[in-house]
Amino acid sequence: MTTRYALLLRGINVGGSRKVPMAALREVLAELGHSDVTTYLQSGNAAFSSSSGDDEQALAAALERAIEKHFGFTVDCLVRDHAYLTAVRDDCPFPADELESKQLHVTYYSEQVAADRLAAVDRAVFAPEDFRLGDRALYLYLPEGLGRSKLAETLAKPRLLPGVIATTRNWNTVRKLVELTAQ
């Protein structure tokens, strides 16, 4: 059985370092035996089909090894299937249809994060910015966008969620990943 997945790379093509050209990324995915490979934007989004039978973590680990071998540096990877991506989109606790794409983001996590790990973040301090925890995801409402957000800066501190891989996408990309992984 073939499953359609999205690949989310963390921290590439930012500020001139850790360059991963999308054409080369497509080649890496194809060399691993994946098919119907496509990329979206330059920020580390790809979709592919796989009949390997591997789970998302095994696929991500294989991709991390292949990327390191090909490019010479490590890149954290998350792999998510279409059903998960659709659920993340559909379960958004904020009024997505009423907001601009720059105001709504999702941080995808490598594992489920317990609410108590974020309990130290005082929402009132950051209002009107807000967040809600989902299934291996964090929904961010940022009225002025991600670049100026003090809340996003606070939530991105590694000491808050040690050992958890996190990568954030704006709402346009969240929707596009659902579209790209549809069969």
Protein backbone atom coordinates (compact mmCIF):
# COMPACT_ATOMS: atom_id res chain seq x y z
CA MET A 1 0.00 0.00 0.00
CA THR A 2 1.27 3.45 -0.88
CA THR A 3 0.91 6.33 1.56
CA ARG A 4 1.33 10.02 0.84
CA TYR A 5 3.46 12.01 3.30
CA ALA A 6 4.74 15.51 3.91
CA LEU A 7 8.35 16.08 4.89
CA LEU A 8 9.01 19.11 7.09
CA LEU A 9 12.65 20.14 7.43
CA ARG A 10 13.68 22.37 10.30
CA GLY A 11 15.94 25.38 9.95
CA ILE A 12 17.15 25.22 6.36
CA ASN A 13 17.72 27.97 3.79
CA VAL A 14 17.59 30.69 6.43
CA GLY A 15 20.15 33.48 6.47
CA GLY A 16 22.37 31.93 3.81
CA SER A 17 23.35 28.85 5.79
CA ARG A 18 22.34 25.20 5.69
CA LYS A 19 21.37 25.42 2.03
CA VAL A 20 19.17 22.62 0.74
CA PRO A 21 18.13 23.29 -2.86
CA MET A 22 14.69 21.85 -3.49
CA ALA A 23 15.80 20.06 -6.68
CA ALA A 24 18.51 18.27 -4.70
CA LEU A 25 16.01 17.42 -1.95
CA ARG A 26 13.72 15.85 -4.56
CA GLU A 27 16.67 13.76 -5.77
CA VAL A 28 17.43 12.56 -2.22
CA LEU A 29 13.82 11.50 -1.73
CA ALA A 30 13.78 9.69 -5.09
CA GLU A 31 17.08 7.92 -4.31
CA LEU A 32 15.44 6.53 -1.15
CA GLY A 33 12.76 4.95 -3.35
CA HIS A 34 10.00 7.47 -2.77
CA SER A 35 7.80 8.52 -5.68
CA ASP A 36 5.62 11.42 -6.77
CA VAL A 37 8.04 13.80 -5.04
CA THR A 38 7.21 17.48 -5.04
CA THR A 39 8.49 20.42 -3.03
CA TYR A 40 6.78 23.57 -1.83
CA LEU A 41 8.59 26.85 -1.30
CA GLN A 42 12.27 26.96 -0.35
CA SER A 43 11.74 26.52 3.37
CA GLY A 44 11.84 22.74 3.57
CA ASN A 45 8.48 21.31 2.61
CA ALA A 46 8.12 18.26 0.42
CA ALA A 47 5.48 15.67 -0.34
CA PHE A 48 6.15 12.12 -1.44
CA SER A 49 4.58 8.70 -1.75
CA SER A 50 6.06 5.66 -0.07
CA SER A 51 5.18 1.99 -0.08
CA SER A 52 8.01 1.05 2.29
CA GLY A 53 5.71 0.23 5.18
CA ASP A 54 7.94 2.26 7.51
CA ASP A 55 6.31 4.47 10.12
CA GLU A 56 6.76 8.24 10.19
CA GLN A 57 9.67 8.12 12.64
CA ALA A 58 11.58 5.54 10.59
CA LEU A 59 11.02 7.56 7.42
CA ALA A 60 12.22 10.74 9.15
CA ALA A 61 15.34 9.00 10.50
CA ALA A 62 16.21 7.63 7.04
CA LEU A 63 15.74 11.07 5.53
CA GLU A 64 17.91 12.72 8.18
CA ARG A 65 20.73 10.25 7.41
CA ALA A 66 20.38 10.73 3.65
CA ILE A 67 20.33 14.52 3.93
CA GLU A 68 23.42 14.52 6.14
CA LYS A 69 25.23 12.25 3.68
CA HIS A 70 24.22 14.36 0.68
CA PHE A 71 24.63 17.88 2.12
CA GLY A 72 27.18 17.33 4.89
CA PHE A 73 25.12 18.66 7.80
CA THR A 74 22.28 17.41 9.96
CA VAL A 75 18.71 18.57 9.51
CA ASP A 76 15.85 17.63 11.80
CA CYS A 77 13.00 16.10 9.82
CA LEU A 78 9.37 15.45 10.61
CA VAL A 79 7.24 13.19 8.42
CA ARG A 80 3.45 13.34 8.64
CA ASP A 81 0.77 11.57 6.64
CA HIS A 82 -2.26 13.12 4.96
CA ALA A 83 -4.75 12.03 7.65
CA TYR A 84 -2.72 13.72 10.39
CA LEU A 85 -2.22 16.92 8.39
CA THR A 86 -5.94 17.07 7.62
CA ALA A 87 -6.80 16.59 11.30
CA VAL A 88 -4.43 19.41 12.29
CA ARG A 89 -6.08 21.73 9.78
CA ASP A 90 -9.62 20.70 10.77
CA ASP A 91 -8.98 20.87 14.53
CA CYS A 92 -7.75 24.47 14.53
CA PRO A 93 -9.17 26.17 17.64
CA PHE A 94 -8.92 29.63 16.08
CA PRO A 95 -11.22 31.03 13.34
CA ALA A 96 -8.89 30.24 10.44
CA ASP A 97 -11.30 31.43 7.75
CA GLU A 98 -11.51 34.85 9.38
CA LEU A 99 -7.77 35.41 9.84
CA GLU A 100 -4.95 36.37 7.51
CA SER A 101 -2.49 33.57 6.86
CA LYS A 102 0.31 35.50 8.60
CA GLN A 103 -1.75 35.58 11.81
CA LEU A 104 -2.13 31.83 12.20
CA HIS A 105 0.67 29.28 12.45
CA VAL A 106 1.16 25.69 13.47
CA THR A 107 4.27 24.39 15.17
CA TYR A 108 4.60 20.68 14.44
CA TYR A 109 6.27 18.65 17.20
CA SER A 110 8.17 15.37 17.01
CA GLU A 111 6.10 14.01 19.88
CA GLN A 112 3.03 14.82 21.92
CA VAL A 113 3.71 17.63 24.37
CA ALA A 114 1.93 17.55 27.71
CA ALA A 115 0.10 20.75 28.61
CA ASP A 116 2.01 21.08 31.87
CA ARG A 117 5.24 21.61 29.90
CA LEU A 118 3.78 24.90 28.64
CA ALA A 119 2.08 25.88 31.91
CA ALA A 120 4.85 28.33 32.80
CA VAL A 121 3.96 30.51 29.79
CA ASP A 122 1.59 33.20 31.07
CA ARG A 123 -0.86 33.80 28.22
CA ALA A 124 -2.06 37.08 29.71
CA VAL A 125 1.42 38.61 29.32
CA PHE A 126 1.28 38.07 25.55
CA ALA A 127 -2.38 38.97 24.82
CA PRO A 128 -3.82 39.30 22.27
CA GLU A 129 -1.38 36.66 21.04
CA ASP A 130 -2.44 33.17 22.07
CA PHE A 131 -1.72 29.48 21.63
CA ARG A 132 -3.49 26.15 21.95
CA LEU A 133 -1.98 22.70 22.15
CA GLY A 134 -3.12 20.01 19.71
CA ASP A 135 -2.01 16.55 18.63
CA ARG A 136 1.78 16.89 18.26
CA ALA A 137 1.08 20.47 17.25
CA LEU A 138 0.80 23.94 18.70
CA TYR A 139 -1.60 26.45 17.16
CA LEU A 140 -0.41 30.04 17.32
CA TYR A 141 -2.58 33.11 16.90
CA LEU A 142 -0.22 36.01 16.23
CA PRO A 143 -2.10 39.17 15.11
CA GLU A 144 1.09 40.96 14.01
CA GLY A 145 2.69 37.88 12.45
CA LEU A 146 5.46 35.53 13.48
CA GLY A 147 8.42 37.86 12.98
CA ARG A 148 7.33 40.33 15.66
CA SER A 149 5.84 37.87 18.10
CA LYS A 150 7.17 37.78 21.65
CA LEU A 151 4.98 34.74 22.33
CA ALA A 152 6.48 32.77 19.45
CA GLU A 153 9.96 33.75 20.61
CA THR A 154 9.20 32.50 24.12
CA LEU A 155 7.65 29.25 22.91
CA ALA A 156 10.65 28.55 20.65
CA LYS A 157 13.20 28.55 23.49
CA PRO A 158 14.85 25.11 23.56
CA ARG A 159 14.76 24.93 27.38
CA LEU A 160 10.95 24.97 27.28
CA LEU A 161 10.70 21.64 25.43
CA PRO A 162 14.10 19.93 25.59
CA GLY A 163 14.48 17.02 23.20
CA VAL A 164 11.43 17.94 21.14
CA ILE A 165 11.91 18.78 17.46
CA ALA A 166 9.67 21.68 16.48
CA THR A 167 9.12 23.42 13.16
CA THR A 168 6.55 26.11 12.39
CA ARG A 169 4.49 26.76 9.26
CA ASN A 170 2.04 29.55 8.44
CA TRP A 171 -1.58 28.74 7.71
CA ASN A 172 -1.16 28.88 3.91
CA THR A 173 1.50 26.19 4.19
CA VAL A 174 -0.62 24.14 6.59
CA ARG A 175 -3.41 24.09 3.98
CA LYS A 176 -0.98 23.44 1.13
CA LEU A 177 0.53 20.42 2.89
CA VAL A 178 -2.94 18.88 3.13
CA GLU A 179 -3.43 19.49 -0.58
CA LEU A 180 0.00 18.10 -1.54
CA THR A 181 -0.52 14.90 0.40
CA ALA A 182 -4.03 14.17 -0.91
CA GLN A 183 -4.12 11.07 -3.12
